[in-house]
Protein backbone atom coordinates (compact mmCIF):
# COMPACT_ATOMS: atom_id res chain seq x y z
CA MET A 1 -0.06 -0.02 0.00
CA ASP A 2 1.45 3.45 -0.94
CA ILE A 3 1.83 6.23 1.68
CA LYS A 4 -1.06 8.28 0.30
CA GLN A 5 -3.45 5.45 0.79
CA GLN A 6 -2.08 4.96 4.28
CA ILE A 7 -2.73 8.61 5.09
CA LYS A 8 -6.32 8.22 3.81
CA ASN A 9 -6.79 5.27 6.12
CA GLN A 10 -5.44 7.15 9.08
CA ILE A 11 -8.01 9.96 8.33
CA ILE A 12 -10.84 7.58 8.00
CA GLU A 13 -9.90 6.07 11.45
CA ALA A 14 -9.60 9.49 12.97
CA LEU A 15 -13.05 10.38 11.63
CA GLU A 16 -14.48 7.14 13.03
CA ARG A 17 -13.07 8.17 16.50
CA LEU A 18 -15.16 11.37 16.09
CA ASN A 19 -18.25 9.39 15.00
CA VAL A 20 -17.91 10.73 11.41
CA HIS A 21 -18.39 8.13 8.73
CA LEU A 22 -16.81 8.68 5.29
CA ASP A 23 -15.82 6.52 2.36
CA VAL A 24 -12.16 6.39 1.69
CA ASN A 25 -12.85 7.68 -1.86
CA ASP A 26 -14.30 10.88 -0.28
CA ILE A 27 -10.93 11.75 1.14
CA ILE A 28 -8.52 13.73 -1.10
CA VAL A 29 -4.76 13.61 -0.30
CA GLU A 30 -2.24 15.37 -2.50
CA GLN A 31 1.36 15.71 -2.55
CA CYS A 32 2.60 19.14 -1.50
CA LYS A 33 4.28 21.25 -4.26
CA ASP A 34 6.57 22.73 -1.70
CA THR A 35 8.09 20.09 0.60
CA LYS A 36 8.68 22.85 3.24
CA ASN A 37 4.90 22.69 3.72
CA GLY A 38 4.95 18.92 4.13
CA ASP A 39 4.91 15.84 2.08
CA TYR A 40 1.19 15.44 1.69
CA SER A 41 -1.82 17.51 2.33
CA THR A 42 -5.64 17.05 2.70
CA ASN A 43 -8.60 19.49 2.56
CA VAL A 44 -10.96 17.09 4.46
CA ALA A 45 -11.50 19.61 7.31
CA LEU A 46 -12.31 22.39 4.90
CA LYS A 47 -14.75 20.03 2.96
CA TYR A 48 -16.70 18.55 5.79
CA ALA A 49 -16.42 20.81 8.85
CA THR A 50 -19.39 23.09 8.21
CA LYS A 51 -21.62 20.18 7.45
CA LEU A 52 -20.64 18.57 10.87
CA GLY A 53 -21.00 21.82 12.80
CA TYR A 54 -17.31 22.86 13.14
CA LYS A 55 -15.17 25.56 11.97
CA PRO A 56 -12.57 24.14 9.57
CA HIS A 57 -9.48 25.07 11.61
CA ASP A 58 -11.03 23.62 14.82
CA PHE A 59 -12.09 20.38 12.93
CA ALA A 60 -8.57 20.11 11.47
CA LEU A 61 -7.09 20.43 15.04
CA LEU A 62 -9.43 17.64 16.25
CA LEU A 63 -8.29 15.28 13.47
CA LYS A 64 -4.73 16.10 14.09
CA GLU A 65 -5.08 14.91 17.67
CA LYS A 66 -6.64 11.63 16.57
CA ILE A 67 -4.15 10.62 14.05
CA VAL A 68 -1.14 8.83 15.46
CA ALA A 69 0.92 6.64 13.09
CA PRO A 70 4.66 5.80 13.17
CA PHE A 71 5.18 6.58 9.44
CA ILE A 72 3.95 10.22 10.14
CA ASN A 73 6.72 12.41 11.63
CA LYS A 74 4.66 15.57 12.03
CA ILE A 75 1.25 17.07 11.31
CA GLU A 76 0.73 20.79 10.84
CA ILE A 77 -2.51 22.85 10.27
CA ALA A 78 -2.04 25.44 7.50
CA GLY A 79 -4.17 28.29 6.27
CA PRO A 80 -8.00 28.03 7.09
CA GLY A 81 -7.70 24.29 7.75
CA PHE A 82 -5.58 22.31 5.45
CA ILE A 83 -3.76 19.37 7.19
CA ASN A 84 -0.20 18.86 6.15
CA PHE A 85 1.60 15.55 6.81
CA PHE A 86 5.39 15.20 7.09
CA ILE A 87 6.56 11.55 6.52
CA ALA A 88 9.30 10.00 8.53
CA GLU A 89 12.38 9.35 6.44
CA THR A 90 12.69 5.78 7.84
CA SER A 91 9.24 5.03 6.44
CA ILE A 92 10.13 6.46 3.03
CA PHE A 93 13.31 4.37 2.75
CA ALA A 94 11.50 1.32 4.07
CA SER A 95 9.36 1.42 1.10
CA LEU A 96 12.24 0.61 -1.23
CA LYS A 97 11.97 -3.04 -0.31
CA ASN A 98 8.41 -3.20 -1.39
CA ILE A 99 9.24 -1.54 -4.70
CA ILE A 100 11.99 -4.04 -5.42
CA GLU A 101 10.01 -7.09 -4.46
CA GLN A 102 7.03 -6.14 -6.60
CA GLY A 103 9.33 -5.31 -9.58
CA ASP A 104 7.20 -4.91 -12.73
CA ASP A 105 4.14 -5.03 -10.72
CA TYR A 106 4.97 -1.96 -8.60
CA GLY A 107 2.32 0.70 -8.97
CA ARG A 108 -0.16 -1.85 -10.38
CA GLY A 109 -3.63 -1.24 -8.73
CA GLU A 110 -5.92 -3.89 -7.45
CA LYS A 111 -8.36 -5.52 -10.02
CA LYS A 112 -11.50 -3.59 -10.29
CA ASP A 113 -14.87 -4.84 -11.50
CA TYR A 114 -15.15 -2.21 -14.00
CA ARG A 115 -15.00 -2.86 -17.85
CA ILE A 116 -13.93 -0.12 -20.21
CA ASN A 117 -14.07 -0.16 -23.97
CA VAL A 118 -11.76 2.38 -25.74
CA GLU A 119 -12.25 2.85 -29.52
CA PHE A 120 -9.43 4.74 -31.19
CA VAL A 121 -7.63 5.27 -34.55
CA SER A 122 -10.43 3.58 -36.71
CA ALA A 123 -8.98 5.11 -39.79
CA ASN A 124 -10.75 4.36 -43.00
CA PRO A 125 -8.95 1.46 -44.75
CA THR A 126 -8.20 3.56 -47.83
CA GLY A 127 -4.60 4.62 -47.27
CA ASP A 128 -1.69 5.14 -44.88
CA LEU A 129 -2.15 6.27 -41.31
CA HIS A 130 -1.31 10.06 -41.12
CA LEU A 131 -0.04 12.04 -38.22
CA GLY A 132 -3.54 12.68 -36.87
CA HIS A 133 -4.17 9.02 -36.52
CA ALA A 134 -0.68 8.49 -35.02
CA ARG A 135 -1.30 10.91 -32.26
CA ILE A 136 -4.70 9.38 -31.47
CA ALA A 137 -2.94 5.89 -31.53
CA SER A 138 -0.34 7.08 -29.02
CA TYR A 139 -2.67 8.85 -26.81
CA GLY A 140 -5.38 6.06 -26.89
CA ASP A 141 -2.89 3.24 -26.24
CA SER A 142 -1.13 5.16 -23.47
CA MET A 143 -4.58 5.62 -21.89
CA CYS A 144 -5.33 2.03 -22.10
CA ARG A 145 -2.07 1.09 -20.55
CA LEU A 146 -2.73 3.39 -17.74
CA TYR A 147 -6.26 1.99 -17.14
CA GLU A 148 -5.04 -1.58 -17.31
CA PHE A 149 -2.12 -0.91 -14.76
CA ALA A 150 -4.56 0.89 -12.50
CA GLY A 151 -6.58 -2.33 -12.41
CA TYR A 152 -9.35 -1.73 -14.90
CA ASP A 153 -10.52 -4.42 -17.41
CA VAL A 154 -9.79 -2.69 -20.70
CA THR A 155 -10.67 -3.54 -24.49
CA ARG A 156 -9.07 -1.82 -27.31
CA GLU A 157 -11.33 -1.56 -30.30
CA TYR A 158 -10.97 -0.59 -33.84
CA TYR A 159 -14.09 0.26 -35.96
CA VAL A 160 -13.55 -0.53 -39.61
CA ASN A 161 -15.43 1.82 -41.83
CA ASP A 162 -15.97 -0.60 -44.71
CA GLY A 163 -19.16 1.01 -45.92
CA GLY A 164 -19.99 4.33 -47.46
CA HIS A 165 -18.61 6.41 -50.27
CA GLN A 166 -14.91 6.33 -49.34
CA VAL A 167 -14.64 2.48 -49.75
CA ASP A 168 -16.67 2.55 -52.82
CA ASN A 169 -14.05 4.92 -54.37
CA LEU A 170 -11.28 2.53 -53.04
CA ALA A 171 -13.04 -0.22 -54.95
CA LEU A 172 -13.26 1.90 -58.19
CA SER A 173 -9.77 3.08 -57.67
CA LEU A 174 -8.28 -0.38 -57.38
CA LYS A 175 -10.33 -1.62 -60.36
CA ALA A 176 -9.05 1.16 -62.47
CA ARG A 177 -5.40 0.53 -61.43
CA TYR A 178 -5.78 -3.10 -62.14
CA HIS A 179 -7.24 -2.42 -65.61
CA GLN A 180 -4.44 0.14 -66.40
CA LEU A 181 -2.07 -2.89 -66.00
CA PHE A 182 -3.65 -4.09 -69.22
CA ASP A 183 -4.94 -0.87 -70.76
CA LYS A 184 -2.92 2.28 -69.65
CA ASN A 185 -5.79 4.50 -70.92
CA TYR A 186 -8.43 3.10 -68.53
CA PRO A 187 -9.68 6.21 -66.56
CA MET A 188 -9.52 6.75 -62.96
CA PRO A 189 -12.72 7.50 -61.13
CA GLU A 190 -13.78 10.92 -59.95
CA ASP A 191 -12.34 11.43 -56.38
CA GLY A 192 -10.21 8.36 -56.89
CA TYR A 193 -7.24 7.40 -54.75
CA TYR A 194 -3.88 8.11 -56.49
CA GLY A 195 -1.51 6.58 -53.87
CA GLU A 196 1.12 4.21 -54.96
CA ASP A 197 -0.36 1.70 -52.44
CA ILE A 198 -3.29 1.22 -54.67
CA VAL A 199 -0.96 0.45 -57.62
CA ASP A 200 0.99 -2.15 -55.54
CA ILE A 201 -2.24 -3.85 -54.64
CA ALA A 202 -3.33 -3.96 -58.15
CA LYS A 203 -0.08 -5.55 -59.19
CA LYS A 204 -0.38 -8.16 -56.62
CA ILE A 205 -3.89 -9.10 -57.89
CA LYS A 206 -2.47 -9.47 -61.45
CA GLU A 207 0.50 -11.49 -60.29
CA LYS A 208 -1.80 -13.91 -58.61
CA ASP A 209 -4.88 -14.01 -60.84
CA GLY A 210 -3.88 -12.57 -64.30
CA ASP A 211 -6.87 -11.01 -66.18
CA LYS A 212 -9.38 -12.94 -64.21
CA PHE A 213 -11.19 -9.72 -62.99
CA LEU A 214 -11.20 -7.61 -66.13
CA ALA A 215 -14.88 -8.35 -66.82
CA GLU A 216 -17.25 -5.30 -65.87
CA THR A 217 -19.49 -7.25 -63.35
CA GLU A 218 -20.84 -6.43 -59.94
CA GLU A 219 -19.12 -9.48 -58.65
CA ASN A 220 -15.69 -8.21 -59.76
CA LEU A 221 -16.32 -4.80 -58.31
CA ALA A 222 -17.31 -6.42 -55.04
CA PHE A 223 -14.02 -8.42 -55.20
CA PHE A 224 -11.98 -5.30 -55.58
CA LYS A 225 -13.77 -3.60 -52.62
CA ARG A 226 -13.16 -6.46 -50.26
CA TYR A 227 -9.66 -7.18 -51.47
CA GLY A 228 -8.71 -3.44 -51.18
CA ILE A 229 -10.21 -3.14 -47.78
CA ASP A 230 -8.38 -6.26 -46.45
CA ALA A 231 -5.08 -5.27 -48.03
CA GLU A 232 -5.21 -1.71 -46.67
CA LEU A 233 -6.33 -2.83 -43.32
CA ASN A 234 -3.55 -5.43 -43.02
CA LYS A 235 -1.18 -2.55 -43.90
CA ILE A 236 -2.56 -0.43 -41.16
CA LYS A 237 -2.27 -3.42 -38.62
CA THR A 238 1.22 -3.89 -39.67
CA ASP A 239 2.10 -0.11 -39.04
CA LEU A 240 0.19 -0.16 -35.76
CA ASP A 241 2.14 -3.24 -34.67
CA TYR A 242 5.39 -1.41 -35.47
CA PHE A 243 4.06 1.45 -33.38
CA ARG A 244 3.38 -0.98 -30.49
CA VAL A 245 -0.40 -0.52 -30.68
CA HIS A 246 -2.53 -3.78 -30.75
CA PHE A 247 -6.25 -4.14 -30.72
CA ASP A 248 -8.34 -6.67 -29.11
CA VAL A 249 -11.42 -6.28 -31.29
CA PHE A 250 -11.99 -5.15 -34.87
CA THR A 251 -15.71 -4.40 -35.53
CA TYR A 252 -16.77 -3.86 -39.18
CA GLU A 253 -19.30 -1.37 -40.21
CA SER A 254 -20.69 -3.91 -42.78
CA ASP A 255 -21.60 -6.19 -39.87
CA ILE A 256 -23.42 -3.45 -38.11
CA ARG A 257 -25.39 -2.82 -41.23
CA ALA A 258 -26.08 -6.50 -41.97
CA ASN A 259 -29.50 -8.06 -41.72
CA ASN A 260 -31.44 -4.82 -41.45
CA ARG A 261 -29.94 -4.16 -37.98
CA VAL A 262 -29.90 -0.37 -38.46
CA ALA A 263 -33.56 -0.31 -39.74
CA ASP A 264 -34.64 -2.43 -36.81
CA VAL A 265 -33.00 -0.28 -34.23
CA LEU A 266 -34.47 2.84 -35.75
CA ASN A 267 -37.90 1.57 -36.11
CA ASN A 268 -38.16 -0.30 -32.83
CA LEU A 269 -35.93 1.55 -30.30
CA TYR A 270 -36.10 5.02 -31.62
CA LYS A 271 -39.51 5.27 -33.09
CA ASN A 272 -40.75 7.60 -30.26
CA TYR A 273 -37.80 9.84 -30.77
CA THR A 274 -38.07 10.64 -34.60
CA TYR A 275 -40.07 12.66 -36.95
CA GLU A 276 -39.98 13.43 -40.68
CA LEU A 277 -39.18 16.74 -42.29
CA ASP A 278 -38.80 17.41 -45.97
CA GLY A 279 -38.51 13.66 -46.75
CA ALA A 280 -35.75 13.06 -44.15
CA VAL A 281 -36.01 11.44 -40.67
CA PHE A 282 -34.74 13.43 -37.71
CA LEU A 283 -33.78 12.26 -34.19
CA LYS A 284 -35.07 14.41 -31.27
CA THR A 285 -31.60 14.95 -29.73
CA THR A 286 -32.60 18.37 -28.39
CA ASP A 287 -34.87 16.48 -25.87
CA PHE A 288 -31.51 15.69 -24.15
CA LEU A 289 -28.16 17.43 -24.69
CA ASP A 290 -28.09 18.61 -28.30
CA ASP A 291 -28.40 22.11 -29.67
CA LYS A 292 -30.54 20.87 -32.65
CA ASP A 293 -32.15 17.62 -33.92
CA ARG A 294 -30.01 15.54 -36.16
CA PRO A 295 -30.99 13.74 -39.44
CA VAL A 296 -30.58 9.95 -39.29
CA VAL A 297 -32.22 9.17 -42.74
CA LYS A 298 -31.59 11.42 -45.84
CA SER A 299 -34.40 12.35 -48.18
CA ASP A 300 -32.98 9.72 -50.63
CA GLY A 301 -33.62 7.01 -47.92
CA SER A 302 -29.91 6.42 -47.14
CA TYR A 303 -28.71 6.65 -43.54
CA THR A 304 -26.49 9.42 -42.30
CA TYR A 305 -23.27 8.36 -40.62
CA LEU A 306 -24.92 8.94 -37.28
CA MET A 307 -27.38 6.22 -37.34
CA PRO A 308 -25.08 3.25 -37.96
CA ASP A 309 -22.82 4.84 -35.23
CA ILE A 310 -25.68 4.72 -32.76
CA VAL A 311 -26.31 1.01 -33.61
CA TYR A 312 -22.57 0.47 -33.12
CA HIS A 313 -22.47 2.03 -29.68
CA LEU A 314 -25.53 0.14 -28.67
CA ASP A 315 -23.65 -3.02 -29.71
CA LYS A 316 -20.81 -2.12 -27.61
CA MET A 317 -23.01 -1.38 -24.55
CA SER A 318 -24.75 -4.75 -25.05
CA ARG A 319 -21.32 -6.50 -24.47
CA GLY A 320 -21.37 -5.43 -20.78
CA TYR A 321 -19.05 -2.41 -20.70
CA ASP A 322 -19.41 0.18 -17.94
CA LEU A 323 -17.85 2.84 -19.85
CA LEU A 324 -17.22 3.58 -23.64
CA ILE A 325 -14.42 5.97 -24.53
CA ASP A 326 -14.11 7.25 -28.12
CA LEU A 327 -10.95 9.20 -29.25
CA LEU A 328 -11.72 11.41 -32.16
CA GLY A 329 -10.27 14.25 -34.02
CA ALA A 330 -10.89 17.73 -32.70
CA ASP A 331 -13.23 18.45 -35.66
CA HIS A 332 -15.81 16.08 -34.01
CA HIS A 333 -16.66 18.32 -31.16
CA GLY A 334 -20.26 18.72 -32.38
CA TYR A 335 -20.57 15.00 -32.40
CA ILE A 336 -20.42 14.42 -28.69
CA ASN A 337 -23.79 15.64 -27.49
CA ARG A 338 -25.71 14.02 -30.32
CA LEU A 339 -24.14 10.62 -29.54
CA LYS A 340 -24.65 10.98 -25.78
CA SER A 341 -28.25 12.00 -26.45
CA ALA A 342 -29.00 8.87 -28.62
CA MET A 343 -27.52 6.71 -25.74
CA MET A 344 -29.62 8.48 -23.19
CA MET A 345 -32.71 7.67 -25.20
CA GLN A 346 -31.98 4.11 -24.48
CA GLY A 347 -31.67 4.66 -20.69
CA TYR A 348 -27.92 4.93 -20.51
CA LYS A 349 -26.37 7.78 -18.35
CA LYS A 350 -24.69 10.55 -20.20
CA GLU A 351 -21.36 9.55 -18.31
CA SER A 352 -21.58 6.01 -19.84
CA ILE A 353 -19.82 7.35 -23.04
CA GLU A 354 -16.98 9.86 -23.16
CA VAL A 355 -15.36 11.34 -26.15
CA GLU A 356 -11.82 12.47 -25.87
CA LEU A 357 -10.90 14.99 -28.73
CA VAL A 358 -7.30 14.96 -30.08
CA GLN A 359 -5.81 17.85 -31.87
CA MET A 360 -3.72 17.63 -34.98
CA VAL A 361 0.08 17.69 -35.32
CA ARG A 362 2.48 19.84 -37.20
CA LEU A 363 5.93 18.69 -38.10
CA ILE A 364 8.65 21.36 -37.68
CA LYS A 365 12.19 21.03 -39.09
CA ASP A 366 14.81 23.74 -39.16
CA GLY A 367 12.09 26.15 -37.99
CA ALA A 368 9.71 25.48 -40.82
CA GLU A 369 6.69 23.28 -41.13
CA VAL A 370 7.10 20.11 -43.10
CA LYS A 371 3.95 19.00 -44.85
CA MET A 372 4.92 16.55 -47.49
CA SER A 373 7.02 13.32 -47.79
CA LYS A 374 10.12 13.73 -50.07
CA ARG A 375 9.72 10.24 -51.07
CA THR A 376 6.05 10.12 -52.00
CA GLY A 377 5.12 13.73 -52.26
CA ASN A 378 2.17 12.93 -50.10
CA ALA A 379 1.40 13.74 -46.39
CA ILE A 380 4.01 12.08 -44.19
CA SER A 381 2.78 8.72 -42.76
CA LEU A 382 3.09 7.37 -39.28
CA ARG A 383 5.70 4.79 -40.53
CA GLU A 384 7.83 7.42 -42.29
CA LEU A 385 7.99 9.44 -39.20
CA CYS A 386 8.94 6.50 -36.96
CA ASP A 387 11.60 5.43 -39.51
CA GLU A 388 13.12 8.90 -39.23
CA VAL A 389 13.13 9.62 -35.49
CA GLY A 390 12.23 6.33 -33.81
CA VAL A 391 9.02 4.90 -32.33
CA ASP A 392 9.92 5.99 -28.77
CA ALA A 393 10.32 9.67 -29.79
CA VAL A 394 7.08 9.55 -31.66
CA ARG A 395 5.09 8.03 -28.97
CA TYR A 396 6.49 10.26 -26.28
CA PHE A 397 6.16 13.61 -28.18
CA PHE A 398 2.61 12.72 -29.20
CA VAL A 399 1.41 12.32 -25.65
CA ALA A 400 3.62 15.04 -24.11
CA ARG A 401 0.91 17.54 -24.20
CA ASP A 402 -2.78 17.39 -23.41
CA ALA A 403 -4.83 15.92 -26.29
CA MET A 404 -6.69 19.09 -26.86
CA SER A 405 -3.50 21.23 -27.16
CA HIS A 406 -2.08 21.80 -30.70
CA LEU A 407 1.17 19.91 -31.10
CA ASP A 408 4.28 21.13 -32.90
CA PHE A 409 6.62 18.05 -33.30
CA ASN A 410 10.11 19.37 -33.40
CA LEU A 411 12.00 16.87 -35.75
CA ASN A 412 15.47 18.35 -34.83
CA LEU A 413 14.81 18.00 -31.26
CA ALA A 414 13.39 14.43 -31.48
CA THR A 415 16.65 13.15 -32.91
CA GLU A 416 19.06 15.12 -30.70
CA HIS A 417 21.17 13.15 -28.27
CA SER A 418 21.13 15.60 -25.39
CA GLU A 419 19.34 16.52 -22.22
CA ALA A 420 17.30 19.02 -24.31
CA ASN A 421 15.49 16.04 -25.86
CA PRO A 422 13.05 14.80 -23.14
CA VAL A 423 13.04 11.08 -24.51
CA PHE A 424 16.83 10.94 -24.44
CA TYR A 425 16.89 12.65 -21.01
CA CYS A 426 14.62 10.02 -19.26
CA GLN A 427 15.92 6.95 -21.15
CA TYR A 428 19.49 8.00 -20.25
CA ALA A 429 18.46 8.13 -16.65
CA HIS A 430 17.35 4.58 -16.81
CA ALA A 431 20.45 3.48 -18.67
CA ARG A 432 22.61 5.32 -16.10
CA LEU A 433 20.85 3.31 -13.31
CA CYS A 434 21.47 0.14 -15.21
CA ARG A 435 25.09 0.90 -15.54
CA MET A 436 25.52 1.33 -11.88
CA LEU A 437 24.02 -1.92 -11.06
CA GLU A 438 26.11 -3.70 -13.69
CA LEU A 439 29.38 -2.16 -12.25
CA SER A 440 28.29 -3.19 -8.72
CA LYS A 441 26.77 -6.68 -9.31
CA ASP A 442 29.23 -8.27 -6.89
CA ILE A 443 27.96 -6.05 -4.04
CA ALA A 444 24.96 -7.14 -1.93
CA ILE A 445 22.10 -4.71 -1.77
CA ASP A 446 20.52 -3.46 1.47
CA LEU A 447 16.90 -3.54 0.54
CA ASN A 448 15.82 -1.41 3.52
CA GLY A 449 18.09 1.52 2.55
CA THR A 450 19.36 1.77 6.13
CA TYR A 451 22.02 4.41 5.79
CA LEU A 452 20.16 6.82 3.48
CA GLY A 453 19.39 10.38 4.46
CA GLU A 454 20.88 12.82 1.90
CA ALA A 455 18.49 15.52 0.62
CA SER A 456 18.67 14.05 -2.97
CA GLU A 457 18.17 10.49 -1.76
CA VAL A 458 15.01 11.66 0.19
CA ALA A 459 13.70 13.54 -2.74
CA LEU A 460 14.08 10.55 -5.15
CA ALA A 461 12.66 8.02 -2.70
CA LYS A 462 9.50 10.27 -2.20
CA ALA A 463 9.01 10.37 -5.96
CA LEU A 464 9.25 6.61 -6.13
CA ILE A 465 6.70 5.98 -3.46
CA SER A 466 4.30 8.31 -5.10
CA PHE A 467 4.15 6.46 -8.27
CA PRO A 468 1.12 4.07 -7.34
CA SER A 469 -1.10 7.13 -6.47
CA VAL A 470 0.13 8.88 -9.75
CA VAL A 471 -1.12 5.89 -11.70
CA GLN A 472 -4.48 5.91 -10.16
CA THR A 473 -5.03 9.61 -10.43
CA VAL A 474 -3.84 10.02 -14.02
CA ALA A 475 -5.70 6.97 -15.16
CA LEU A 476 -9.08 8.47 -13.83
CA GLN A 477 -8.20 11.79 -15.49
CA ARG A 478 -7.41 10.02 -18.82
CA LYS A 479 -4.36 12.35 -19.10
CA PRO A 480 -1.23 10.34 -20.12
CA ASN A 481 0.51 13.56 -20.71
CA LYS A 482 0.93 13.80 -16.95
CA ILE A 483 2.93 10.64 -16.97
CA THR A 484 5.48 12.42 -19.18
CA THR A 485 5.59 15.17 -16.40
CA TYR A 486 6.24 12.53 -13.82
CA ILE A 487 8.91 10.79 -15.82
CA GLN A 488 10.76 14.06 -16.41
CA SER A 489 10.58 14.90 -12.84
CA LEU A 490 12.01 11.49 -11.94
CA ALA A 491 14.66 11.66 -14.48
CA THR A 492 15.85 14.94 -12.99
CA LEU A 493 15.93 13.46 -9.39
CA ILE A 494 17.85 10.43 -10.68
CA HIS A 495 20.46 12.61 -12.35
CA GLU A 496 20.73 14.94 -9.23
CA PHE A 497 21.17 11.87 -7.03
CA TYR A 498 23.80 10.47 -9.37
CA THR A 499 25.66 13.89 -9.31
CA GLU A 500 25.52 14.42 -5.66
CA CYS A 501 25.95 10.98 -4.16
CA ARG A 502 28.78 8.54 -4.73
CA VAL A 503 26.95 5.21 -5.25
CA ILE A 504 29.74 2.73 -5.93
CA ASP A 505 31.96 3.30 -2.96
CA ARG A 506 33.86 0.14 -1.86
CA GLU A 507 35.49 1.94 1.03
CA HIS A 508 32.03 2.72 2.51
CA LEU A 509 30.28 -0.57 1.69
CA GLU A 510 27.29 -0.14 3.97
CA LEU A 511 26.38 3.18 2.48
CA CYS A 512 26.91 1.76 -1.06
CA LYS A 513 24.62 -1.12 -0.27
CA SER A 514 21.85 1.29 0.81
CA ARG A 515 22.29 3.48 -2.25
CA LEU A 516 22.16 0.48 -4.55
CA ALA A 517 18.69 -0.24 -3.10
CA LEU A 518 17.65 3.28 -4.24
CA VAL A 519 19.25 2.73 -7.63
CA LEU A 520 17.37 -0.54 -8.24
CA ALA A 521 14.04 0.87 -6.98
CA ALA A 522 14.43 3.95 -9.31
CA LYS A 523 15.26 1.71 -12.16
CA ILE A 524 12.04 -0.38 -11.71
CA VAL A 525 9.75 2.64 -11.31
CA MET A 526 11.37 4.48 -14.38
CA ARG A 527 10.85 1.29 -16.46
CA ASN A 528 7.39 0.86 -15.30
CA ALA A 529 6.53 4.47 -15.99
CA LEU A 530 8.07 4.39 -19.49
CA ASN A 531 6.04 1.30 -20.23
CA LEU A 532 2.83 3.13 -19.52
CA LEU A 533 3.52 5.21 -22.60
CA GLY A 534 4.74 2.26 -24.63
CA LEU A 535 8.37 3.31 -24.50
CA SER A 536 11.41 1.14 -24.33
CA ALA A 537 13.66 1.38 -21.23
CA PRO A 538 17.36 0.74 -22.65
CA ASN A 539 20.05 -0.59 -20.50
CA ASN A 540 22.80 1.16 -22.49
CA MET A 541 22.93 4.46 -24.46
């Protein structure tokens, strides 16, 4: 159990002694930004004193008198009633043994009976993943890693848009490229896809089947559509695998639309929430959260994209999830309330589905924006960017800022081997720890850190024991960018400790053994934190 949780338990016990009954989740304990004010602080007295008939400061004093624990060195009341806790150094260093014994599981939360479905990327299978998809992939996968590590049951899902105009154009484009291998004058369709990947797919079809699909038939067009979708999706899967992103479920729009499912849902589940206007069918989303009603059937009888999406989300809910999360581009802002409204029509709470919006990315090199690939002349793809700067740099930079913040990706910085590059800085901290352990592998480690006490040692140990609570907090906030903040702070403390304390000191072996415990614990936490973002933890650099 981490120290923050121990403090919460102490507060609960103190409240019980005052005949006040609260749930542990009602207690907020935070790390103090300035350690002069303490290590941890709570606002519980401010929050509940008035309701219980006390002045906040008086209530804080009462709680202070009731809290007695060996791991707490001192308690102070600050301001109108904040309670600040100073943790005994012996307790801080005693936690090192727990970190080392738990290893890869240190910071992992207890299993929770709560299922979360996260749908992200879901790029149309019509071409390469671009940088917008890449940022969503990095953010979404890091979010899932955080939830899983915090103890939640998480499913990663990809929605394959294999219906509609775009995949029809894919089929026509592939058909045209295939025909051009036999008749170079065969025309491309209007709004066709001109990427070299379509040409490559066509060549593979010719190599395998010759002129088998030259006849102008519906069956052959259906073949081009399915073959093209499968080929493009397999390429996307390969690129995502390279990017260390793996999905548990692929759901196809064609399956959602099959067997009149959309019509059945509309006519049976939503019949009391629809009306006709000018030949179109509208959903009464203004009865809930939306600013205007939304069409679900066009005047030509075809569905808008909203209606199959509603059926898809109902399908996900039917699988027993407690929470659905969609990661979408920032241009989908107006989509949130209409989707929530449609779910609320079926009795779901608005909080049962959350939409995280992710802003686009600009690539900057030598102070100027880079828009096109030198190799293809098209937009730079995920794979090209990873090939140039490495998967670690791409994943880190893409989550380093809040999802709704515009991101300028500095290509020069991403490839720089210096402390200015945050990826190099944190990975070098891990490699430095590994090097110290390698050079001292013949020295036994004092797991209790008995002889530690220097300021840099205390600061580093405090950061290590805060990791479990950081994981829980950041997971619930769905803010993986805060893990990058933690990693950078941890790296700074590691480098400061290395500079200020001589670790491998064979003339002072007992102190050396204690410091090696701190080194090993820091290595474990840094590796675990990097893994939350899908980053490698190199042993050498």
